[in-house]
C-alpha atoms as a PDB file:
ATOM      1  CA  MET A   1      91.556 101.092 113.903  1.00  0.00           C
ATOM      2  CA  THR A   2      91.915 102.226 110.310  1.00  0.00           C
ATOM      3  CA  ARG A   3      92.001  99.478 107.682  1.00  0.00           C
ATOM      4  CA  VAL A   4      93.118 100.019 104.104  1.00  0.00           C
ATOM      5  CA  LEU A   5      93.272  97.366 101.413  1.00  0.00           C
ATOM      6  CA  VAL A   6      95.340  97.877  98.274  1.00  0.00           C
ATOM      7  CA  ALA A   7      94.295  95.170  95.829  1.00  0.00           C
ATOM      8  CA  GLY A   8      96.137  94.413  92.623  1.00  0.00           C
ATOM      9  CA  ILE A   9      93.888  92.837  90.021  1.00  0.00           C
ATOM     10  CA  GLY A  10      94.479  91.541  86.524  1.00  0.00           C
ATOM     11  CA  ASN A  11      95.794  88.620  84.514  1.00  0.00           C
ATOM     12  CA  ILE A  12      99.602  88.367  84.219  1.00  0.00           C
ATOM     13  CA  PHE A  13      99.202  86.231  81.083  1.00  0.00           C
ATOM     14  CA  LEU A  14      97.617  89.159  79.213  1.00  0.00           C
ATOM     15  CA  ARG A  15     100.582  91.557  79.031  1.00  0.00           C
ATOM     16  CA  ASP A  16      99.563  94.937  80.497  1.00  0.00           C
ATOM     17  CA  ASP A  17      96.663  93.408  82.411  1.00  0.00           C
ATOM     18  CA  GLY A  18      99.353  92.346  84.903  1.00  0.00           C
ATOM     19  CA  PHE A  19      99.842  96.000  85.933  1.00  0.00           C
ATOM     20  CA  GLY A  20      98.026  95.629  89.281  1.00  0.00           C
ATOM     21  CA  GLY A  21     100.249  92.758  90.384  1.00  0.00           C
ATOM     22  CA  LYS A  22     103.431  94.623  89.419  1.00  0.00           C
ATOM     23  CA  VAL A  23     102.351  97.655  91.448  1.00  0.00           C
ATOM     24  CA  ILE A  24     101.668  95.449  94.487  1.00  0.00           C
ATOM     25  CA  GLU A  25     105.086  93.827  94.034  1.00  0.00           C
ATOM     26  CA  ARG A  26     106.745  97.273  94.070  1.00  0.00           C
ATOM     27  CA  LEU A  27     104.611  98.491  97.006  1.00  0.00           C
ATOM     28  CA  ARG A  28     106.013  95.640  99.127  1.00  0.00           C
ATOM     29  CA  GLU A  29     109.339  97.518  99.000  1.00  0.00           C
ATOM     30  CA  GLU A  30     107.772 100.681 100.491  1.00  0.00           C
ATOM     31  CA  GLU A  31     107.402 101.531 104.172  1.00  0.00           C
ATOM     32  CA  LEU A  32     103.656 101.640 104.685  1.00  0.00           C
ATOM     33  CA  PRO A  33     101.717 101.756 107.963  1.00  0.00           C
ATOM     34  CA  GLU A  34     100.853  98.332 109.392  1.00  0.00           C
ATOM     35  CA  TRP A  35      97.139  98.988 108.782  1.00  0.00           C
ATOM     36  CA  VAL A  36      97.699  99.043 105.008  1.00  0.00           C
ATOM     37  CA  GLU A  37      97.213  95.544 103.591  1.00  0.00           C
ATOM     38  CA  LEU A  38      98.637  94.652 100.177  1.00  0.00           C
ATOM     39  CA  ALA A  39      97.254  91.772  98.147  1.00  0.00           C
ATOM     40  CA  ASP A  40      97.618  90.600  94.566  1.00  0.00           C
ATOM     41  CA  TYR A  41      94.288  89.011  93.680  1.00  0.00           C
ATOM     42  CA  GLY A  42      95.108  88.391  90.041  1.00  0.00           C
ATOM     43  CA  ILE A  43      91.863  87.083  88.572  1.00  0.00           C
ATOM     44  CA  SER A  44      90.455  85.880  91.902  1.00  0.00           C
ATOM     45  CA  GLY A  45      87.574  88.332  92.054  1.00  0.00           C
ATOM     46  CA  VAL A  46      85.443  86.159  94.314  1.00  0.00           C
ATOM     47  CA  HIS A  47      88.317  85.969  96.834  1.00  0.00           C
ATOM     48  CA  LEU A  48      88.553  89.769  96.779  1.00  0.00           C
ATOM     49  CA  ALA A  49      84.800  90.160  97.338  1.00  0.00           C
ATOM     50  CA  TYR A  50      84.878  87.818 100.338  1.00  0.00           C
ATOM     51  CA  ASP A  51      87.952  89.545 101.808  1.00  0.00           C
ATOM     52  CA  LEU A  52      86.149  92.879 101.514  1.00  0.00           C
ATOM     53  CA  LEU A  53      83.431  91.522 103.799  1.00  0.00           C
ATOM     54  CA  GLY A  54      85.939  92.051 106.635  1.00  0.00           C
ATOM     55  CA  GLY A  55      85.352  95.806 106.361  1.00  0.00           C
ATOM     56  CA  TYR A  56      87.808  98.435 105.177  1.00  0.00           C
ATOM     57  CA  ASP A  57      87.806 102.201 105.529  1.00  0.00           C
ATOM     58  CA  LEU A  58      89.511 102.598 102.152  1.00  0.00           C
ATOM     59  CA  THR A  59      89.860 100.117  99.310  1.00  0.00           C
ATOM     60  CA  VAL A  60      92.272 100.888  96.470  1.00  0.00           C
ATOM     61  CA  LEU A  61      91.941  98.704  93.387  1.00  0.00           C
ATOM     62  CA  VAL A  62      95.000  98.784  91.112  1.00  0.00           C
ATOM     63  CA  ASP A  63      94.245  97.702  87.560  1.00  0.00           C
ATOM     64  CA  ALA A  64      94.943  98.241  83.881  1.00  0.00           C
ATOM     65  CA  THR A  65      91.798 100.035  82.803  1.00  0.00           C
ATOM     66  CA  PRO A  66      91.263 101.314  79.259  1.00  0.00           C
ATOM     67  CA  GLN A  67      89.999 104.898  79.329  1.00  0.00           C
ATOM     68  CA  GLY A  68      91.049 106.039  75.858  1.00  0.00           C
ATOM     69  CA  CYS A  69      94.219 107.793  77.043  1.00  0.00           C
ATOM     70  CA  GLU A  70      97.811 107.461  75.923  1.00  0.00           C
ATOM     71  CA  PRO A  71      99.226 104.039  76.999  1.00  0.00           C
ATOM     72  CA  GLY A  72     100.959 104.325  80.372  1.00  0.00           C
ATOM     73  CA  THR A  73      98.716 107.146  81.613  1.00  0.00           C
ATOM     74  CA  VAL A  74      97.992 106.694  85.331  1.00  0.00           C
ATOM     75  CA  PHE A  75      94.726 108.004  86.712  1.00  0.00           C
ATOM     76  CA  LEU A  76      92.581 107.934  89.829  1.00  0.00           C
ATOM     77  CA  ILE A  77      88.885 107.085  89.691  1.00  0.00           C
ATOM     78  CA  GLU A  78      86.685 107.655  92.725  1.00  0.00           C
ATOM     79  CA  VAL A  79      83.958 104.991  92.622  1.00  0.00           C
ATOM     80  CA  SER A  80      80.538 106.191  93.746  1.00  0.00           C
ATOM     81  CA  ALA A  81      78.282 104.238  96.071  1.00  0.00           C
ATOM     82  CA  ASP A  82      75.508 104.102  93.450  1.00  0.00           C
ATOM     83  CA  ARG A  83      77.450 101.915  91.033  1.00  0.00           C
ATOM     84  CA  PRO A  84      75.284  99.482  89.072  1.00  0.00           C
ATOM     85  CA  ALA A  85      75.420  95.766  89.904  1.00  0.00           C
ATOM     86  CA  PRO A  86      76.483  93.461  87.060  1.00  0.00           C
ATOM     87  CA  HIS A  87      73.995  91.221  85.287  1.00  0.00           C
ATOM     88  CA  SER A  88      76.190  88.107  85.433  1.00  0.00           C
ATOM     89  CA  LEU A  89      79.184  86.863  87.399  1.00  0.00           C
ATOM     90  CA  ASP A  90      82.221  84.925  86.174  1.00  0.00           C
ATOM     91  CA  ALA A  91      84.280  83.693  89.132  1.00  0.00           C
ATOM     92  CA  HIS A  92      87.477  83.351  87.083  1.00  0.00           C
ATOM     93  CA  GLY A  93      87.505  86.672  85.271  1.00  0.00           C
ATOM     94  CA  MET A  94      85.569  89.134  87.397  1.00  0.00           C
ATOM     95  CA  GLN A  95      86.060  92.775  86.548  1.00  0.00           C
ATOM     96  CA  PRO A  96      85.982  95.281  89.432  1.00  0.00           C
ATOM     97  CA  ASP A  97      82.318  96.152  88.823  1.00  0.00           C
ATOM     98  CA  ALA A  98      81.377  92.467  89.107  1.00  0.00           C
ATOM     99  CA  VAL A  99      83.391  92.094  92.321  1.00  0.00           C
ATOM    100  CA  LEU A 100      81.621  95.094  93.808  1.00  0.00           C
ATOM    101  CA  GLY A 101      78.260  93.794  92.651  1.00  0.00           C
ATOM    102  CA  LEU A 102      78.944  90.500  94.418  1.00  0.00           C
ATOM    103  CA  LEU A 103      80.054  92.410  97.530  1.00  0.00           C
ATOM    104  CA  ASP A 104      76.750  94.313  97.474  1.00  0.00           C
ATOM    105  CA  LEU A 105      74.826  91.043  97.116  1.00  0.00           C
ATOM    106  CA  LEU A 106      76.702  89.650 100.129  1.00  0.00           C
ATOM    107  CA  GLY A 107      75.877  92.756 102.187  1.00  0.00           C
ATOM    108  CA  GLY A 108      79.452  94.018 102.425  1.00  0.00           C
ATOM    109  CA  ASP A 109      80.977  97.476 102.169  1.00  0.00           C
ATOM    110  CA  ALA A 110      84.361  98.368 100.667  1.00  0.00           C
ATOM    111  CA  GLY A 111      84.413 101.762 102.413  1.00  0.00           C
ATOM    112  CA  ARG A 112      85.735 104.606 100.283  1.00  0.00           C
ATOM    113  CA  LEU A 113      86.632 103.015  96.985  1.00  0.00           C
ATOM    114  CA  VAL A 114      89.148 104.274  94.453  1.00  0.00           C
ATOM    115  CA  VAL A 115      90.784 102.765  91.401  1.00  0.00           C
ATOM    116  CA  VAL A 116      94.384 103.544  90.529  1.00  0.00           C
ATOM    117  CA  GLY A 117      94.310 102.720  86.865  1.00  0.00           C
ATOM    118  CA  CYS A 118      96.721 102.658  83.978  1.00  0.00           C
ATOM    119  CA  GLU A 119      95.919 102.825  80.290  1.00  0.00           C
ATOM    120  CA  PRO A 120      97.166  99.567  78.746  1.00  0.00           C
ATOM    121  CA  ALA A 121      98.961  99.360  75.415  1.00  0.00           C
ATOM    122  CA  ASP A 122      98.535  95.607  74.867  1.00  0.00           C
ATOM    123  CA  THR A 123      96.311  93.109  76.663  1.00  0.00           C
ATOM    124  CA  GLY A 124      96.900  90.263  74.228  1.00  0.00           C
ATOM    125  CA  ASP A 125      98.476  86.935  75.124  1.00  0.00           C
ATOM    126  CA  GLY A 126     101.938  87.239  76.640  1.00  0.00           C
ATOM    127  CA  ILE A 127     103.762  87.833  79.881  1.00  0.00           C
ATOM    128  CA  GLY A 128     105.377  91.149  80.776  1.00  0.00           C
ATOM    129  CA  LEU A 129     104.285  94.760  80.692  1.00  0.00           C
ATOM    130  CA  THR A 130     104.832  96.923  77.631  1.00  0.00           C
ATOM    131  CA  GLU A 131     107.376  99.726  77.988  1.00  0.00           C
ATOM    132  CA  PRO A 132     104.913 102.595  78.653  1.00  0.00           C
ATOM    133  CA  VAL A 133     102.959 100.592  81.243  1.00  0.00           C
ATOM    134  CA  ALA A 134     106.122  99.325  82.975  1.00  0.00           C
ATOM    135  CA  ALA A 135     107.293 102.939  83.160  1.00  0.00           C
ATOM    136  CA  ALA A 136     104.005 103.877  84.883  1.00  0.00           C
ATOM    137  CA  VAL A 137     104.430 101.454  87.819  1.00  0.00           C
ATOM    138  CA  ASP A 138     106.470 103.896  89.938  1.00  0.00           C
ATOM    139  CA  GLU A 139     103.912 106.667  89.404  1.00  0.00           C
ATOM    140  CA  ALA A 140     101.125 104.337  90.534  1.00  0.00           C
ATOM    141  CA  VAL A 141     103.165 103.363  93.611  1.00  0.00           C
ATOM    142  CA  ARG A 142     103.583 107.055  94.508  1.00  0.00           C
ATOM    143  CA  LEU A 143      99.848 107.630  94.044  1.00  0.00           C
ATOM    144  CA  VAL A 144      98.926 104.702  96.314  1.00  0.00           C
ATOM    145  CA  CYS A 145     101.400 105.881  98.977  1.00  0.00           C
ATOM    146  CA  ASP A 146      99.916 109.391  98.759  1.00  0.00           C
ATOM    147  CA  LEU A 147      96.398 107.971  99.173  1.00  0.00           C
ATOM    148  CA  ALA A 148      97.474 106.057 102.291  1.00  0.00           C
ATOM    149  CA  ARG A 149      99.099 109.186 103.780  1.00  0.00           C
ATOM    150  CA  GLN A 150      96.045 111.328 102.979  1.00  0.00           C
ATOM    151  CA  HIS A 151      93.773 108.723 104.536  1.00  0.00           C
ATOM    152  CA  GLU A 152      95.951 108.624 107.653  1.00  0.00           C
ATOM    153  CA  ASP A 153      95.863 112.439 107.914  1.00  0.00           C
ATOM    154  CA  THR A 154      92.073 112.491 107.457  1.00  0.00           C
ATOM    155  CA  THR A 155      91.643 109.794 110.105  1.00  0.00           C
ATOM    156  CA  ARG A 156      93.812 111.709 112.572  1.00  0.00           C
ATOM    157  CA  GLU A 157      91.831 114.914 111.979  1.00  0.00           C
ATOM    158  CA  GLY A 158      88.590 113.033 112.717  1.00  0.00           C
ATOM    159  CA  VAL A 159      90.018 111.715 115.998  1.00  0.00           C
ATOM    160  CA  SER A 160      91.402 115.023 117.264  1.00  0.00           C
END
């Protein structure tokens, strides 16, 4: 059976870094197949790494990720299998590369891995997304739903 994990990551106390959690919150209102699991990991990177040991066909990380774009820009990053492992681990503030490095050390596999990212405007102290990032939540939700549908279609084609 197909398994997809959509994982929101980020710190809600650092303004736009709470983007991943807001997207997960909105995705809970969508009708998704039962094999799509939604989870808001916040800053619990170690928890995410251990959950990924269960094996997923597709893992979608949703995060505020600075790429040098206009704030509120939503983008998709396909993560390659040859990603470098981090040099150190911080269990309370693990970035996605550190989570994946820990997963590699534990012998796990996240399956196909993509990041649905959003360019933050402000990651300073405070609660609540800035206007451009809040406006990007619906676009990220659509992108995640599209990824789930595409994955379902690809899985069906492989079975036929």
